[in-house]
Each structure stands twice: as structure tokens, then as C-alpha cells.
Amino acid sequence: MPGPRERNQNRAVPAGWRCTVPLLRSPGLVPKMSDTFRDFHRFTVPDQSVRTGTEAISAVLDLLAESERLTAEQRQGILKALQDRETLGSTGIGRGLAVPHAKYSGLAQLIGAVANFQPM
């Protein structure tokens, strides 16, 4: 029987799925309320090739890297942190909504994103 990570990572992503990554932060960083959502991004992903939660998270991280909010090294580290967090328990809420989140020491500030995956 597959563990929680394998079950969650291979789950199909329905059309219109939303992926949020609201709290990517350094473990010791305690933000002020006024700074919490200063670096928040919204994306629409018109790509039917996204089929799993891992692919959806990767797509959001790619968009953050393209917008120069993350370096390639940070992107890889954050992807691993998000996958490690998912092994503790699913961040999926249901009906295509998930709130993946993680701590990552390579960031100086919070970064958040919401993505809406639209069928083409």
C-alpha cells in the first residue's frame, strides 16, 4: 500500500484547480502583519499538461522563478520542502483546492502565490 506521499503526489488535478502557496518563509522569520502579503502573486495557468499536485506546485514555482522572485536553487529547495511537508499530511482540502506550505531557510521574506489552472 502506498504511503501518504505517494497517494497525494499522484492524485489527478481537476480542471479549474487552485493551488496556493501562502507561506514560504525562513524558519526564524517572524513577519509584521503589514509585511505578510507584500510579496503575493496570482497566476492563471492555461495548461492541460498539469495532472498531479506535484506538477501543479512545480508550475507555480516555475512562474515565480520566471518573475524573478526565486532563483533556480531556491526553486529546487522549496519544491523539496513542499514535498517533505506533504509527507506529514495532505495539504489538499478537497474539490481541487490545496494549500501547500513550507518553511525554507533560503528566503529573506514571505512569498505567496495563488494559481488557477484553466483548461485550454
PDB file of N, CA and C in Angstrom:
ATOM      1  N   MET A   1       0.847  -1.186   0.000  1.00  0.00           N
ATOM      2  CA  MET A   1       0.000   0.000   0.000  1.00  0.00           C
ATOM      3  C   MET A   1       0.887   1.243   0.000  1.00  0.00           C
ATOM      4  N   PRO A   2       0.638   2.199  -0.902  1.00  0.00           N
ATOM      5  CA  PRO A   2       1.470   3.403  -0.937  1.00  0.00           C
ATOM      6  C   PRO A   2       1.245   4.267   0.302  1.00  0.00           C
ATOM      7  N   GLY A   3       2.305   4.980   0.685  1.00  0.00           N
ATOM      8  CA  GLY A   3       2.208   5.896   1.818  1.00  0.00           C
ATOM      9  C   GLY A   3       1.476   7.160   1.423  1.00  0.00           C
ATOM     10  N   PRO A   4       1.257   8.094   2.391  1.00  0.00           N
ATOM     11  CA  PRO A   4       0.519   9.322   2.089  1.00  0.00           C
ATOM     12  C   PRO A   4       1.159  10.140   0.985  1.00  0.00           C
ATOM     13  N   ARG A   5       2.492  10.157   0.938  1.00  0.00           N
ATOM     14  CA  ARG A   5       3.161  10.972  -0.076  1.00  0.00           C
ATOM     15  C   ARG A   5       2.837  10.466  -1.475  1.00  0.00           C
ATOM     16  N   GLU A   6       2.934   9.139  -1.669  1.00  0.00           N
ATOM     17  CA  GLU A   6       2.672   8.591  -2.991  1.00  0.00           C
ATOM     18  C   GLU A   6       1.213   8.802  -3.392  1.00  0.00           C
ATOM     19  N   ARG A   7       0.291   8.615  -2.468  1.00  0.00           N
ATOM     20  CA  ARG A   7      -1.123   8.816  -2.785  1.00  0.00           C
ATOM     21  C   ARG A   7      -1.399  10.261  -3.173  1.00  0.00           C
ATOM     22  N   ASN A   8      -0.851  11.212  -2.409  1.00  0.00           N
ATOM     23  CA  ASN A   8      -1.136  12.625  -2.649  1.00  0.00           C
ATOM     24  C   ASN A   8      -0.454  13.154  -3.893  1.00  0.00           C
ATOM     25  N   GLN A   9       0.764  12.714  -4.168  1.00  0.00           N
ATOM     26  CA  GLN A   9       1.511  13.261  -5.287  1.00  0.00           C
ATOM     27  C   GLN A   9       0.965  12.791  -6.629  1.00  0.00           C
ATOM     28  N   ASN A  10       0.254  11.678  -6.647  1.00  0.00           N
ATOM     29  CA  ASN A  10      -0.232  11.137  -7.908  1.00  0.00           C
ATOM     30  C   ASN A  10      -1.721  11.365  -8.125  1.00  0.00           C
ATOM     31  N   ARG A  11      -2.340  12.102  -7.267  1.00  0.00           N
ATOM     32  CA  ARG A  11      -3.764  12.386  -7.398  1.00  0.00           C
ATOM     33  C   ARG A  11      -3.996  13.316  -8.586  1.00  0.00           C
ATOM     34  N   ALA A  12      -5.021  13.042  -9.354  1.00  0.00           N
ATOM     35  CA  ALA A  12      -5.334  13.863 -10.530  1.00  0.00           C
ATOM     36  C   ALA A  12      -5.779  15.261 -10.100  1.00  0.00           C
ATOM     37  N   VAL A  13      -5.449  16.242 -10.917  1.00  0.00           N
ATOM     38  CA  VAL A  13      -5.829  17.628 -10.658  1.00  0.00           C
ATOM     39  C   VAL A  13      -6.995  17.980 -11.567  1.00  0.00           C
ATOM     40  N   PRO A  14      -8.172  18.274 -10.996  1.00  0.00           N
ATOM     41  CA  PRO A  14      -9.328  18.611 -11.831  1.00  0.00           C
ATOM     42  C   PRO A  14      -9.182  19.974 -12.498  1.00  0.00           C
ATOM     43  N   ALA A  15      -9.909  20.166 -13.598  1.00  0.00           N
ATOM     44  CA  ALA A  15      -9.904  21.462 -14.292  1.00  0.00           C
ATOM     45  C   ALA A  15     -10.351  22.551 -13.325  1.00  0.00           C
ATOM     46  N   GLY A  16      -9.736  23.710 -13.418  1.00  0.00           N
ATOM     47  CA  GLY A  16     -10.073  24.824 -12.540  1.00  0.00           C
ATOM     48  C   GLY A  16      -9.444  24.701 -11.166  1.00  0.00           C
ATOM     49  N   TRP A  17      -8.520  23.763 -11.001  1.00  0.00           N
ATOM     50  CA  TRP A  17      -7.872  23.523  -9.720  1.00  0.00           C
ATOM     51  C   TRP A  17      -7.098  24.754  -9.284  1.00  0.00           C
ATOM     52  N   ARG A  18      -7.154  25.052  -8.018  1.00  0.00           N
ATOM     53  CA  ARG A  18      -6.422  26.193  -7.480  1.00  0.00           C
ATOM     54  C   ARG A  18      -5.342  25.683  -6.542  1.00  0.00           C
ATOM     55  N   CYS A  19      -4.177  26.236  -6.690  1.00  0.00           N
ATOM     56  CA  CYS A  19      -3.051  25.846  -5.847  1.00  0.00           C
ATOM     57  C   CYS A  19      -2.562  27.096  -5.130  1.00  0.00           C
ATOM     58  N   THR A  20      -2.513  27.063  -3.827  1.00  0.00           N
ATOM     59  CA  THR A  20      -1.992  28.208  -3.097  1.00  0.00           C
ATOM     60  C   THR A  20      -0.716  27.809  -2.375  1.00  0.00           C
ATOM     61  N   VAL A  21       0.211  28.714  -2.367  1.00  0.00           N
ATOM     62  CA  VAL A  21       1.451  28.516  -1.634  1.00  0.00           C
ATOM     63  C   VAL A  21       1.624  29.758  -0.766  1.00  0.00           C
ATOM     64  N   PRO A  22       0.828  29.867   0.323  1.00  0.00           N
ATOM     65  CA  PRO A  22       0.756  31.131   1.027  1.00  0.00           C
ATOM     66  C   PRO A  22       1.921  31.438   1.953  1.00  0.00           C
ATOM     67  N   LEU A  23       2.571  30.453   2.484  1.00  0.00           N
ATOM     68  CA  LEU A  23       3.607  30.762   3.463  1.00  0.00           C
ATOM     69  C   LEU A  23       4.888  30.000   3.196  1.00  0.00           C
ATOM     70  N   LEU A  24       5.709  30.551   2.345  1.00  0.00           N
ATOM     71  CA  LEU A  24       7.060  30.050   2.161  1.00  0.00           C
ATOM     72  C   LEU A  24       7.941  31.028   2.915  1.00  0.00           C
ATOM     73  N   ARG A  25       8.528  30.577   4.003  1.00  0.00           N
ATOM     74  CA  ARG A  25       9.275  31.523   4.821  1.00  0.00           C
ATOM     75  C   ARG A  25      10.470  30.864   5.464  1.00  0.00           C
ATOM     76  N   SER A  26      11.384  31.697   5.894  1.00  0.00           N
ATOM     77  CA  SER A  26      12.523  31.220   6.667  1.00  0.00           C
ATOM     78  C   SER A  26      12.027  30.836   8.050  1.00  0.00           C
ATOM     79  N   PRO A  27      12.551  29.739   8.632  1.00  0.00           N
ATOM     80  CA  PRO A  27      12.061  29.284   9.933  1.00  0.00           C
ATOM     81  C   PRO A  27      12.121  30.333  11.033  1.00  0.00           C
ATOM     82  N   GLY A  28      13.145  31.181  11.064  1.00  0.00           N
ATOM     83  CA  GLY A  28      13.279  32.163  12.129  1.00  0.00           C
ATOM     84  C   GLY A  28      12.595  33.487  11.855  1.00  0.00           C
ATOM     85  N   LEU A  29      12.022  33.630  10.676  1.00  0.00           N
ATOM     86  CA  LEU A  29      11.420  34.898  10.275  1.00  0.00           C
ATOM     87  C   LEU A  29      10.030  35.051  10.885  1.00  0.00           C
ATOM     88  N   VAL A  30       9.834  36.088  11.657  1.00  0.00           N
ATOM     89  CA  VAL A  30       8.517  36.396  12.205  1.00  0.00           C
ATOM     90  C   VAL A  30       8.099  37.734  11.600  1.00  0.00           C
ATOM     91  N   PRO A  31       7.223  37.685  10.589  1.00  0.00           N
ATOM     92  CA  PRO A  31       6.886  38.907   9.870  1.00  0.00           C
ATOM     93  C   PRO A  31       5.925  39.793  10.639  1.00  0.00           C
ATOM     94  N   LYS A  32       5.990  41.089  10.321  1.00  0.00           N
ATOM     95  CA  LYS A  32       4.971  42.015  10.804  1.00  0.00           C
ATOM     96  C   LYS A  32       3.732  41.805   9.943  1.00  0.00           C
ATOM     97  N   MET A  33       2.571  42.072  10.491  1.00  0.00           N
ATOM     98  CA  MET A  33       1.346  41.900   9.728  1.00  0.00           C
ATOM     99  C   MET A  33       1.373  42.717   8.438  1.00  0.00           C
ATOM    100  N   SER A  34       1.950  43.913   8.474  1.00  0.00           N
ATOM    101  CA  SER A  34       1.982  44.765   7.285  1.00  0.00           C
ATOM    102  C   SER A  34       2.859  44.185   6.184  1.00  0.00           C
ATOM    103  N   ASP A  35       3.796  43.297   6.536  1.00  0.00           N
ATOM    104  CA  ASP A  35       4.689  42.703   5.549  1.00  0.00           C
ATOM    105  C   ASP A  35       4.214  41.339   5.061  1.00  0.00           C
ATOM    106  N   THR A  36       3.196  40.776   5.695  1.00  0.00           N
ATOM    107  CA  THR A  36       2.823  39.399   5.433  1.00  0.00           C
ATOM    108  C   THR A  36       2.521  39.129   3.968  1.00  0.00           C
ATOM    109  N   PHE A  37       1.735  39.955   3.318  1.00  0.00           N
ATOM    110  CA  PHE A  37       1.359  39.687   1.944  1.00  0.00           C
ATOM    111  C   PHE A  37       1.968  40.680   0.961  1.00  0.00           C
ATOM    112  N   ARG A  38       3.104  41.215   1.291  1.00  0.00           N
ATOM    113  CA  ARG A  38       3.767  42.160   0.405  1.00  0.00           C
ATOM    114  C   ARG A  38       4.226  41.480  -0.882  1.00  0.00           C
ATOM    115  N   ASP A  39       4.656  40.230  -0.801  1.00  0.00           N
ATOM    116  CA  ASP A  39       5.170  39.512  -1.966  1.00  0.00           C
ATOM    117  C   ASP A  39       4.218  38.365  -2.307  1.00  0.00           C
ATOM    118  N   PHE A  40       3.030  38.728  -2.763  1.00  0.00           N
ATOM    119  CA  PHE A  40       1.994  37.756  -3.075  1.00  0.00           C
ATOM    120  C   PHE A  40       1.679  37.836  -4.561  1.00  0.00           C
ATOM    121  N   HIS A  41       1.551  36.695  -5.208  1.00  0.00           N
ATOM    122  CA  HIS A  41       1.378  36.654  -6.662  1.00  0.00           C
ATOM    123  C   HIS A  41       0.153  35.841  -7.039  1.00  0.00           C
ATOM    124  N   ARG A  42      -0.468  36.227  -8.159  1.00  0.00           N
ATOM    125  CA  ARG A  42      -1.601  35.484  -8.708  1.00  0.00           C
ATOM    126  C   ARG A  42      -1.246  35.054 -10.124  1.00  0.00           C
ATOM    127  N   PHE A  43      -1.534  33.806 -10.431  1.00  0.00           N
ATOM    128  CA  PHE A  43      -1.240  33.275 -11.759  1.00  0.00           C
ATOM    129  C   PHE A  43      -2.443  32.506 -12.283  1.00  0.00           C
ATOM    130  N   THR A  44      -2.637  32.572 -13.595  1.00  0.00           N
ATOM    131  CA  THR A  44      -3.566  31.696 -14.283  1.00  0.00           C
ATOM    132  C   THR A  44      -2.726  30.812 -15.183  1.00  0.00           C
ATOM    133  N   VAL A  45      -2.909  29.520 -15.058  1.00  0.00           N
ATOM    134  CA  VAL A  45      -2.106  28.563 -15.819  1.00  0.00           C
ATOM    135  C   VAL A  45      -3.018  27.887 -16.841  1.00  0.00           C
ATOM    136  N   PRO A  46      -2.918  28.291 -18.123  1.00  0.00           N
ATOM    137  CA  PRO A  46      -3.771  27.698 -19.153  1.00  0.00           C
ATOM    138  C   PRO A  46      -3.105  26.460 -19.750  1.00  0.00           C
ATOM    139  N   ASP A  47      -2.870  25.460 -18.935  1.00  0.00           N
ATOM    140  CA  ASP A  47      -2.089  24.321 -19.380  1.00  0.00           C
ATOM    141  C   ASP A  47      -2.743  23.026 -18.930  1.00  0.00           C
ATOM    142  N   GLN A  48      -3.144  22.209 -19.887  1.00  0.00           N
ATOM    143  CA  GLN A  48      -3.779  20.946 -19.560  1.00  0.00           C
ATOM    144  C   GLN A  48      -2.769  19.855 -19.228  1.00  0.00           C
ATOM    145  N   SER A  49      -1.475  20.130 -19.358  1.00  0.00           N
ATOM    146  CA  SER A  49      -0.474  19.106 -19.067  1.00  0.00           C
ATOM    147  C   SER A  49      -0.280  18.909 -17.561  1.00  0.00           C
ATOM    148  N   VAL A  50      -0.812  19.800 -16.733  1.00  0.00           N
ATOM    149  CA  VAL A  50      -0.707  19.671 -15.287  1.00  0.00           C
ATOM    150  C   VAL A  50      -1.759  18.677 -14.821  1.00  0.00           C
ATOM    151  N   ARG A  51      -1.294  17.536 -14.309  1.00  0.00           N
ATOM    152  CA  ARG A  51      -2.218  16.467 -13.930  1.00  0.00           C
ATOM    153  C   ARG A  51      -2.148  16.098 -12.446  1.00  0.00           C
ATOM    154  N   THR A  52      -1.049  16.400 -11.770  1.00  0.00           N
ATOM    155  CA  THR A  52      -0.894  15.999 -10.372  1.00  0.00           C
ATOM    156  C   THR A  52      -0.568  17.209  -9.507  1.00  0.00           C
ATOM    157  N   GLY A  53      -0.659  17.021  -8.207  1.00  0.00           N
ATOM    158  CA  GLY A  53      -0.307  18.090  -7.275  1.00  0.00           C
ATOM    159  C   GLY A  53       1.138  18.524  -7.423  1.00  0.00           C
ATOM    160  N   THR A  54       2.035  17.575  -7.593  1.00  0.00           N
ATOM    161  CA  THR A  54       3.457  17.911  -7.758  1.00  0.00           C
ATOM    162  C   THR A  54       3.669  18.740  -9.015  1.00  0.00           C
ATOM    163  N   GLU A  55       3.000  18.378 -10.113  1.00  0.00           N
ATOM    164  CA  GLU A  55       3.119  19.149 -11.348  1.00  0.00           C
ATOM    165  C   GLU A  55       2.555  20.557 -11.165  1.00  0.00           C
ATOM    166  N   ALA A  56       1.467  20.676 -10.422  1.00  0.00           N
ATOM    167  CA  ALA A  56       0.858  21.983 -10.179  1.00  0.00           C
ATOM    168  C   ALA A  56       1.797  22.865  -9.361  1.00  0.00           C
ATOM    169  N   ILE A  57       2.364  22.308  -8.304  1.00  0.00           N
ATOM    170  CA  ILE A  57       3.305  23.074  -7.474  1.00  0.00           C
ATOM    171  C   ILE A  57       4.517  23.479  -8.297  1.00  0.00           C
ATOM    172  N   SER A  58       5.037  22.563  -9.108  1.00  0.00           N
ATOM    173  CA  SER A  58       6.182  22.882  -9.969  1.00  0.00           C
ATOM    174  C   SER A  58       5.851  24.012 -10.934  1.00  0.00           C
ATOM    175  N   ALA A  59       4.638  23.995 -11.486  1.00  0.00           N
ATOM    176  CA  ALA A  59       4.223  25.055 -12.410  1.00  0.00           C
ATOM    177  C   ALA A  59       4.202  26.412 -11.708  1.00  0.00           C
ATOM    178  N   VAL A  60       3.699  26.460 -10.479  1.00  0.00           N
ATOM    179  CA  VAL A  60       3.659  27.720  -9.724  1.00  0.00           C
ATOM    180  C   VAL A  60       5.080  28.182  -9.409  1.00  0.00           C
ATOM    181  N   LEU A  61       5.932  27.262  -8.991  1.00  0.00           N
ATOM    182  CA  LEU A  61       7.322  27.638  -8.696  1.00  0.00           C
ATOM    183  C   LEU A  61       8.041  28.115  -9.954  1.00  0.00           C
ATOM    184  N   ASP A  62       7.758  27.494 -11.108  1.00  0.00           N
ATOM    185  CA  ASP A  62       8.341  27.960 -12.375  1.00  0.00           C
ATOM    186  C   ASP A  62       7.919  29.394 -12.668  1.00  0.00           C
ATOM    187  N   LEU A  63       6.643  29.700 -12.449  1.00  0.00           N
ATOM    188  CA  LEU A  63       6.163  31.061 -12.684  1.00  0.00           C
ATOM    189  C   LEU A  63       6.812  32.063 -11.726  1.00  0.00           C
ATOM    190  N   LEU A  64       7.005  31.655 -10.481  1.00  0.00           N
ATOM    191  CA  LEU A  64       7.701  32.536  -9.532  1.00  0.00           C
ATOM    192  C   LEU A  64       9.153  32.750  -9.959  1.00  0.00           C
ATOM    193  N   ALA A  65       9.785  31.717 -10.478  1.00  0.00           N
ATOM    194  CA  ALA A  65      11.172  31.855 -10.960  1.00  0.00           C
ATOM    195  C   ALA A  65      11.219  32.749 -12.196  1.00  0.00           C
ATOM    196  N   GLU A  66      10.261  32.577 -13.115  1.00  0.00           N
ATOM    197  CA  GLU A  66      10.208  33.416 -14.318  1.00  0.00           C
ATOM    198  C   GLU A  66       9.985  34.881 -13.972  1.00  0.00           C
ATOM    199  N   SER A  67       9.244  35.150 -12.899  1.00  0.00           N
ATOM    200  CA  SER A  67       9.008  36.536 -12.484  1.00  0.00           C
ATOM    201  C   SER A  67      10.131  37.056 -11.591  1.00  0.00           C
ATOM    202  N   GLU A  68      11.210  36.277 -11.514  1.00  0.00           N
ATOM    203  CA  GLU A  68      12.430  36.640 -10.782  1.00  0.00           C
ATOM    204  C   GLU A  68      12.200  36.803  -9.281  1.00  0.00           C
ATOM    205  N   ARG A  69      11.241  36.060  -8.734  1.00  0.00           N
ATOM    206  CA  ARG A  69      11.018  36.059  -7.284  1.00  0.00           C
ATOM    207  C   ARG A  69      11.833  34.960  -6.626  1.00  0.00           C
ATOM    208  N   LEU A  70      12.238  33.949  -7.411  1.00  0.00           N
ATOM    209  CA  LEU A  70      13.030  32.834  -6.902  1.00  0.00           C
ATOM    210  C   LEU A  70      14.194  32.555  -7.840  1.00  0.00           C
ATOM    211  N   THR A  71      15.299  32.131  -7.268  1.00  0.00           N
ATOM    212  CA  THR A  71      16.406  31.636  -8.087  1.00  0.00           C
ATOM    213  C   THR A  71      16.154  30.155  -8.366  1.00  0.00           C
ATOM    214  N   ALA A  72      16.918  29.586  -9.285  1.00  0.00           N
ATOM    215  CA  ALA A  72      16.782  28.159  -9.589  1.00  0.00           C
ATOM    216  C   ALA A  72      17.078  27.315  -8.349  1.00  0.00           C
ATOM    217  N   GLU A  73      18.059  27.721  -7.577  1.00  0.00           N
ATOM    218  CA  GLU A  73      18.410  26.991  -6.351  1.00  0.00           C
ATOM    219  C   GLU A  73      17.277  27.065  -5.326  1.00  0.00           C
ATOM    220  N   GLN A  74      16.699  28.239  -5.166  1.00  0.00           N
ATOM    221  CA  GLN A  74      15.576  28.382  -4.241  1.00  0.00           C
ATOM    222  C   GLN A  74      14.384  27.550  -4.701  1.00  0.00           C
ATOM    223  N   ARG A  75      14.131  27.550  -5.996  1.00  0.00           N
ATOM    224  CA  ARG A  75      13.010  26.784  -6.538  1.00  0.00           C
ATOM    225  C   ARG A  75      13.145  25.315  -6.178  1.00  0.00           C
ATOM    226  N   GLN A  76      14.335  24.752  -6.380  1.00  0.00           N
ATOM    227  CA  GLN A  76      14.566  23.341  -6.065  1.00  0.00           C
ATOM    228  C   GLN A  76      14.414  23.070  -4.568  1.00  0.00           C
ATOM    229  N   GLY A  77      14.963  23.948  -3.739  1.00  0.00           N
ATOM    230  CA  GLY A  77      14.871  23.777  -2.293  1.00  0.00           C
ATOM    231  C   GLY A  77      13.443  23.886  -1.793  1.00  0.00           C
ATOM    232  N   ILE A  78      12.686  24.818  -2.361  1.00  0.00           N
ATOM    233  CA  ILE A  78      11.291  24.998  -1.955  1.00  0.00           C
ATOM    234  C   ILE A  78      10.452  23.811  -2.400  1.00  0.00           C
ATOM    235  N   LEU A  79      10.688  23.310  -3.606  1.00  0.00           N
ATOM    236  CA  LEU A  79       9.957  22.129  -4.067  1.00  0.00           C
ATOM    237  C   LEU A  79      10.193  20.960  -3.117  1.00  0.00           C
ATOM    238  N   LYS A  80      11.431  20.753  -2.715  1.00  0.00           N
ATOM    239  CA  LYS A  80      11.733  19.677  -1.767  1.00  0.00           C
ATOM    240  C   LYS A  80      11.055  19.926  -0.419  1.00  0.00           C
ATOM    241  N   ALA A  81      11.092  21.168   0.062  1.00  0.00           N
ATOM    242  CA  ALA A  81      10.444  21.493   1.345  1.00  0.00           C
ATOM    243  C   ALA A  81       8.939  21.245   1.275  1.00  0.00           C
ATOM    244  N   LEU A  82       8.311  21.607   0.149  1.00  0.00           N
ATOM    245  CA  LEU A  82       6.880  21.374  -0.012  1.00  0.00           C
ATOM    246  C   LEU A  82       6.558  19.882  -0.088  1.00  0.00           C
ATOM    247  N   GLN A  83       7.400  19.126  -0.777  1.00  0.00           N
ATOM    248  CA  GLN A  83       7.189  17.683  -0.851  1.00  0.00           C
ATOM    249  C   GLN A  83       7.387  17.032   0.522  1.00  0.00           C
ATOM    250  N   ASP A  84       8.405  17.486   1.257  1.00  0.00           N
ATOM    251  CA  ASP A  84       8.630  16.961   2.605  1.00  0.00           C
ATOM    252  C   ASP A  84       7.447  17.281   3.510  1.00  0.00           C
ATOM    253  N   ARG A  85       6.917  18.487   3.403  1.00  0.00           N
ATOM    254  CA  ARG A  85       5.761  18.875   4.213  1.00  0.00           C
ATOM    255  C   ARG A  85       4.557  17.996   3.879  1.00  0.00           C
ATOM    256  N   GLU A  86       4.388  17.682   2.611  1.00  0.00           N
ATOM    257  CA  GLU A  86       3.248  16.875   2.182  1.00  0.00           C
ATOM    258  C   GLU A  86       3.312  15.451   2.761  1.00  0.00           C
ATOM    259  N   THR A  87       4.511  14.967   3.064  1.00  0.00           N
ATOM    260  CA  THR A  87       4.625  13.631   3.666  1.00  0.00           C
ATOM    261  C   THR A  87       4.057  13.603   5.080  1.00  0.00           C
ATOM    262  N   LEU A  88       3.977  14.739   5.735  1.00  0.00           N
ATOM    263  CA  LEU A  88       3.407  14.810   7.085  1.00  0.00           C
ATOM    264  C   LEU A  88       1.884  14.691   7.059  1.00  0.00           C
ATOM    265  N   GLY A  89       1.298  15.039   5.948  1.00  0.00           N
ATOM    266  CA  GLY A  89      -0.152  15.002   5.785  1.00  0.00           C
ATOM    267  C   GLY A  89      -0.535  15.850   4.594  1.00  0.00           C
ATOM    268  N   SER A  90      -1.589  15.472   3.949  1.00  0.00           N
ATOM    269  CA  SER A  90      -2.021  16.178   2.751  1.00  0.00           C
ATOM    270  C   SER A  90      -2.423  17.616   3.076  1.00  0.00           C
ATOM    271  N   THR A  91      -2.049  18.533   2.201  1.00  0.00           N
ATOM    272  CA  THR A  91      -2.495  19.919   2.316  1.00  0.00           C
ATOM    273  C   THR A  91      -3.690  20.173   1.401  1.00  0.00           C
ATOM    274  N   GLY A  92      -4.180  19.100   0.786  1.00  0.00           N
ATOM    275  CA  GLY A  92      -5.378  19.190  -0.050  1.00  0.00           C
ATOM    276  C   GLY A  92      -6.611  19.346   0.824  1.00  0.00           C
ATOM    277  N   ILE A  93      -7.493  20.224   0.416  1.00  0.00           N
ATOM    278  CA  ILE A  93      -8.719  20.486   1.157  1.00  0.00           C
ATOM    279  C   ILE A  93      -9.883  19.713   0.539  1.00  0.00           C
ATOM    280  N   GLY A  94      -9.858  19.577  -0.762  1.00  0.00           N
ATOM    281  CA  GLY A  94     -10.928  18.895  -1.480  1.00  0.00           C
ATOM    282  C   GLY A  94     -11.459  19.759  -2.597  1.00  0.00           C
ATOM    283  N   ARG A  95     -12.171  19.128  -3.538  1.00  0.00           N
ATOM    284  CA  ARG A  95     -12.748  19.835  -4.689  1.00  0.00           C
ATOM    285  C   ARG A  95     -11.716  20.638  -5.458  1.00  0.00           C
ATOM    286  N   GLY A  96     -10.512  20.088  -5.559  1.00  0.00           N
ATOM    287  CA  GLY A  96      -9.467  20.729  -6.338  1.00  0.00           C
ATOM    288  C   GLY A  96      -8.752  21.876  -5.650  1.00  0.00           C
ATOM    289  N   LEU A  97      -8.918  22.041  -4.358  1.00  0.00           N
ATOM    290  CA  LEU A  97      -8.273  23.124  -3.620  1.00  0.00           C
ATOM    291  C   LEU A  97      -7.221  22.547  -2.684  1.00  0.00           C
ATOM    292  N   ALA A  98      -6.055  23.153  -2.690  1.00  0.00           N
ATOM    293  CA  ALA A  98      -4.976  22.734  -1.804  1.00  0.00           C
ATOM    294  C   ALA A  98      -4.241  23.960  -1.290  1.00  0.00           C
ATOM    295  N   VAL A  99      -3.621  23.823  -0.136  1.00  0.00           N
ATOM    296  CA  VAL A  99      -2.859  24.916   0.458  1.00  0.00           C
ATOM    297  C   VAL A  99      -1.470  24.390   0.850  1.00  0.00           C
ATOM    298  N   PRO A 100      -0.651  24.056  -0.151  1.00  0.00           N
ATOM    299  CA  PRO A 100       0.701  23.605   0.180  1.00  0.00           C
ATOM    300  C   PRO A 100       1.488  24.755   0.796  1.00  0.00           C
ATOM    301  N   HIS A 101       2.245  24.460   1.830  1.00  0.00           N
ATOM    302  CA  HIS A 101       3.018  25.489   2.521  1.00  0.00           C
ATOM    303  C   HIS A 101       4.230  24.822   3.164  1.00  0.00           C
ATOM    304  N   ALA A 102       5.284  25.606   3.360  1.00  0.00           N
ATOM    305  CA  ALA A 102       6.502  25.043   3.937  1.00  0.00           C
ATOM    306  C   ALA A 102       7.394  26.158   4.469  1.00  0.00           C
ATOM    307  N   LYS A 103       8.353  25.744   5.285  1.00  0.00           N
ATOM    308  CA  LYS A 103       9.406  26.645   5.738  1.00  0.00           C
ATOM    309  C   LYS A 103      10.649  26.340   4.917  1.00  0.00           C
ATOM    310  N   TYR A 104      11.337  27.394   4.513  1.00  0.00           N
ATOM    311  CA  TYR A 104      12.549  27.242   3.714  1.00  0.00           C
ATOM    312  C   TYR A 104      13.524  28.321   4.148  1.00  0.00           C
ATOM    313  N   SER A 105      14.701  27.923   4.586  1.00  0.00           N
ATOM    314  CA  SER A 105      15.658  28.874   5.173  1.00  0.00           C
ATOM    315  C   SER A 105      16.308  29.805   4.160  1.00  0.00           C
ATOM    316  N   GLY A 106      16.158  29.550   2.871  1.00  0.00           N
ATOM    317  CA  GLY A 106      16.816  30.365   1.859  1.00  0.00           C
ATOM    318  C   GLY A 106      16.058  31.596   1.427  1.00  0.00           C
ATOM    319  N   LEU A 107      15.022  31.991   2.160  1.00  0.00           N
ATOM    320  CA  LEU A 107      14.244  33.175   1.794  1.00  0.00           C
ATOM    321  C   LEU A 107      14.397  34.268   2.839  1.00  0.00           C
ATOM    322  N   ALA A 108      14.440  35.505   2.380  1.00  0.00           N
ATOM    323  CA  ALA A 108      14.545  36.637   3.298  1.00  0.00           C
ATOM    324  C   ALA A 108      13.173  37.178   3.685  1.00  0.00           C
ATOM    325  N   GLN A 109      12.135  36.826   2.913  1.00  0.00           N
ATOM    326  CA  GLN A 109      10.783  37.315   3.197  1.00  0.00           C
ATOM    327  C   GLN A 109       9.761  36.273   2.766  1.00  0.00           C
ATOM    328  N   LEU A 110       8.527  36.465   3.198  1.00  0.00           N
ATOM    329  CA  LEU A 110       7.440  35.577   2.800  1.00  0.00           C
ATOM    330  C   LEU A 110       7.172  35.706   1.313  1.00  0.00           C
ATOM    331  N   ILE A 111       6.819  34.593   0.698  1.00  0.00           N
ATOM    332  CA  ILE A 111       6.376  34.602  -0.691  1.00  0.00           C
ATOM    333  C   ILE A 111       5.092  33.783  -0.747  1.00  0.00           C
ATOM    334  N   GLY A 112       4.072  34.324  -1.381  1.00  0.00           N
ATOM    335  CA  GLY A 112       2.813  33.603  -1.528  1.00  0.00           C
ATOM    336  C   GLY A 112       2.349  33.642  -2.967  1.00  0.00           C
ATOM    337  N   ALA A 113       1.558  32.644  -3.342  1.00  0.00           N
ATOM    338  CA  ALA A 113       1.033  32.607  -4.701  1.00  0.00           C
ATOM    339  C   ALA A 113      -0.283  31.853  -4.723  1.00  0.00           C
ATOM    340  N   VAL A 114      -1.144  32.274  -5.622  1.00  0.00           N
ATOM    341  CA  VAL A 114      -2.389  31.567  -5.912  1.00  0.00           C
ATOM    342  C   VAL A 114      -2.374  31.310  -7.406  1.00  0.00           C
ATOM    343  N   ALA A 115      -2.707  30.088  -7.779  1.00  0.00           N
ATOM    344  CA  ALA A 115      -2.761  29.758  -9.201  1.00  0.00           C
ATOM    345  C   ALA A 115      -4.104  29.123  -9.521  1.00  0.00           C
ATOM    346  N   ASN A 116      -4.657  29.526 -10.631  1.00  0.00           N
ATOM    347  CA  ASN A 116      -5.890  28.957 -11.133  1.00  0.00           C
ATOM    348  C   ASN A 116      -5.542  28.223 -12.420  1.00  0.00           C
ATOM    349  N   PHE A 117      -5.740  26.924 -12.434  1.00  0.00           N
ATOM    350  CA  PHE A 117      -5.409  26.109 -13.598  1.00  0.00           C
ATOM    351  C   PHE A 117      -6.646  25.998 -14.470  1.00  0.00           C
ATOM    352  N   GLN A 118      -6.589  26.618 -15.655  1.00  0.00           N
ATOM    353  CA  GLN A 118      -7.724  26.688 -16.567  1.00  0.00           C
ATOM    354  C   GLN A 118      -7.516  25.735 -17.727  1.00  0.00           C
ATOM    355  N   PRO A 119      -8.542  24.970 -18.087  1.00  0.00           N
ATOM    356  CA  PRO A 119      -8.427  24.140 -19.291  1.00  0.00           C
ATOM    357  C   PRO A 119      -8.362  25.025 -20.530  1.00  0.00           C
ATOM    358  N   MET A 120      -7.625  24.562 -21.506  1.00  0.00           N
ATOM    359  CA  MET A 120      -7.473  25.327 -22.753  1.00  0.00           C
ATOM    360  C   MET A 120      -8.633  25.084 -23.664  1.00  0.00           C
TER     361      MET A 120
END
